[in-house]
């Protein structure tokens, strides 16, 4: 329908024009147009001089490959499983120190303040937890770069 109207009007039809022709609500047309977008070739030339291919712009670093995302997801799952072996306090310290839930790493002082314990105690709990994980959690060793 959109093509027919484009040919007839010799321009791109507006959403209200398409809605009127199809006897639908403009909101429905807007939703349908979002769903039915045509794919664009990655070889398409873009830029001011059309001297750049779209794929060059969209190419992500190797760090962002699907394999990397999968590895990161598996690592998150393994870390979560490993954390369940720790005490709740050890879990909380590691989660806060290394930003395992929100990506925001906290300092010893920030963790101490949040948990209402001393910095020395936070450091001790962190060392205990990491020591346990090093000894007992072989599933995390594959993620360590040697």
Protein backbone atom coordinates (compact mmCIF):
# COMPACT_ATOMS: atom_id res chain seq x y z
CA UNK A 1 0.00 0.00 0.00
CA UNK A 2 2.82 2.37 0.87
CA UNK A 3 4.46 1.78 -2.54
CA UNK A 4 1.19 2.36 -4.37
CA UNK A 5 0.67 5.64 -2.59
CA UNK A 6 4.29 6.64 -3.21
CA UNK A 7 3.86 6.05 -6.93
CA UNK A 8 0.51 7.81 -7.02
CA UNK A 9 1.61 10.84 -4.96
CA UNK A 10 5.19 10.88 -6.35
CA UNK A 11 6.49 11.26 -2.80
CA UNK A 12 6.55 9.26 0.40
CA UNK A 13 3.04 9.16 1.86
CA UNK A 14 2.45 10.37 5.38
CA UNK A 15 1.21 8.02 8.09
CA UNK A 16 -2.25 9.66 8.14
CA UNK A 17 -2.50 9.21 4.35
CA UNK A 18 -1.64 5.53 4.61
CA UNK A 19 -4.07 5.10 7.52
CA UNK A 20 -6.88 6.75 5.57
CA UNK A 21 -6.27 4.59 2.51
CA UNK A 22 -6.16 1.39 4.58
CA UNK A 23 -8.97 2.48 6.91
CA UNK A 24 -6.80 1.97 9.98
CA UNK A 25 -5.69 4.01 12.94
CA UNK A 26 -2.45 6.03 12.39
CA UNK A 27 -0.99 4.45 15.54
CA UNK A 28 -1.50 1.00 14.02
CA UNK A 29 0.18 2.12 10.80
CA UNK A 30 3.15 3.49 12.74
CA UNK A 31 3.54 0.13 14.55
CA UNK A 32 3.25 -1.82 11.30
CA UNK A 33 5.84 0.36 9.61
CA UNK A 34 8.28 -0.23 12.45
CA UNK A 35 7.78 -3.99 12.18
CA UNK A 36 8.06 -4.10 8.39
CA UNK A 37 11.23 -2.10 7.82
CA UNK A 38 13.19 -3.23 4.80
CA UNK A 39 16.68 -4.59 5.42
CA UNK A 40 19.63 -2.53 4.23
CA UNK A 41 22.72 -4.06 2.67
CA UNK A 42 25.93 -3.79 4.66
CA UNK A 43 27.65 -3.02 1.35
CA UNK A 44 25.59 0.15 0.90
CA UNK A 45 27.74 3.24 0.36
CA UNK A 46 27.14 5.93 2.99
CA UNK A 47 28.68 9.20 4.07
CA UNK A 48 28.93 12.61 2.46
CA UNK A 49 30.85 11.30 -0.55
CA UNK A 50 29.37 7.82 -0.34
CA UNK A 51 32.89 6.48 0.03
CA UNK A 52 32.29 4.38 3.12
CA UNK A 53 30.45 1.10 3.37
CA UNK A 54 27.84 0.73 6.09
CA UNK A 55 29.60 -2.38 7.40
CA UNK A 56 32.75 -0.33 8.06
CA UNK A 57 30.78 1.92 10.38
CA UNK A 58 28.93 -0.91 12.07
CA UNK A 59 31.90 -3.23 12.47
CA UNK A 60 32.53 -3.70 16.14
CA UNK A 61 35.78 -4.49 17.84
CA UNK A 62 36.68 -8.17 18.29
CA UNK A 63 35.91 -7.68 21.96
CA UNK A 64 32.24 -7.31 21.06
CA UNK A 65 31.92 -10.46 18.95
CA UNK A 66 29.08 -12.92 19.61
CA UNK A 67 31.62 -15.38 20.99
CA UNK A 68 32.83 -12.78 23.47
CA UNK A 69 29.28 -12.02 24.58
CA UNK A 70 28.64 -15.74 25.06
CA UNK A 71 31.88 -16.18 27.00
CA UNK A 72 31.02 -13.22 29.22
CA UNK A 73 27.56 -14.63 29.87
CA UNK A 74 28.98 -18.04 30.80
CA UNK A 75 31.53 -16.36 33.04
CA UNK A 76 28.78 -14.37 34.81
CA UNK A 77 26.86 -17.60 35.38
CA UNK A 78 29.95 -19.38 36.71
CA UNK A 79 30.76 -16.46 39.02
CA UNK A 80 27.20 -16.47 40.34
CA UNK A 81 27.39 -20.21 40.99
CA UNK A 82 30.76 -19.79 42.72
CA UNK A 83 29.44 -16.96 44.90
CA UNK A 84 26.75 -19.26 46.29
CA UNK A 85 29.56 -21.24 47.98
CA UNK A 86 30.53 -18.15 50.03
CA UNK A 87 28.91 -16.69 53.12
CA UNK A 88 26.34 -13.94 52.49
CA UNK A 89 28.79 -11.34 53.83
CA UNK A 90 31.58 -12.56 51.54
CA UNK A 91 29.18 -12.51 48.60
CA UNK A 92 28.13 -8.95 49.37
CA UNK A 93 31.72 -7.73 49.73
CA UNK A 94 32.78 -9.23 46.38
CA UNK A 95 29.65 -8.02 44.61
CA UNK A 96 30.21 -4.46 45.83
CA UNK A 97 34.01 -4.40 45.42
CA UNK A 98 33.96 -5.73 41.86
CA UNK A 99 30.62 -4.34 40.67
CA UNK A 100 29.26 -7.79 39.85
CA UNK A 101 25.64 -6.65 39.82
CA UNK A 102 25.70 -3.08 38.57
CA UNK A 103 29.15 -2.73 37.01
CA UNK A 104 30.09 -0.09 39.60
CA UNK A 105 33.17 -1.10 41.58
CA UNK A 106 33.38 0.37 45.08
CA UNK A 107 36.45 1.19 47.15
CA UNK A 108 37.16 -0.46 50.49
CA UNK A 109 35.90 2.68 52.23
CA UNK A 110 32.66 2.71 50.24
CA UNK A 111 32.00 -0.98 50.92
CA UNK A 112 32.81 -0.51 54.61
CA UNK A 113 30.39 2.39 54.87
CA UNK A 114 27.63 0.55 53.02
CA UNK A 115 28.00 -2.59 55.16
CA UNK A 116 28.67 -0.65 58.34
CA UNK A 117 31.96 -2.43 59.07
CA UNK A 118 35.60 -1.31 59.12
CA UNK A 119 37.80 -1.14 56.03
CA UNK A 120 40.15 -3.63 57.66
CA UNK A 121 37.22 -6.07 58.05
CA UNK A 122 36.19 -5.57 54.39
CA UNK A 123 39.77 -6.31 53.26
CA UNK A 124 39.87 -9.44 55.45
CA UNK A 125 36.51 -10.74 54.17
CA UNK A 126 37.53 -10.03 50.58
CA UNK A 127 40.85 -11.87 51.00
CA UNK A 128 39.09 -14.84 52.62
CA UNK A 129 36.54 -15.07 49.83
CA UNK A 130 39.11 -14.77 47.04
CA UNK A 131 41.35 -17.33 48.72
CA UNK A 132 38.47 -19.79 48.92
CA UNK A 133 37.54 -19.21 45.28
CA UNK A 134 41.16 -19.74 44.17
CA UNK A 135 41.38 -23.02 46.07
CA UNK A 136 38.00 -24.52 45.36
CA UNK A 137 36.47 -23.11 42.22
CA UNK A 138 38.14 -24.73 39.24
CA UNK A 139 35.31 -23.63 36.90
CA UNK A 140 36.62 -20.03 37.08
CA UNK A 141 40.21 -20.89 36.16
CA UNK A 142 39.45 -21.12 32.45
CA UNK A 143 38.64 -17.37 32.42
CA UNK A 144 41.96 -16.33 33.92
CA UNK A 145 44.43 -15.09 31.35
CA UNK A 146 47.81 -16.69 31.85
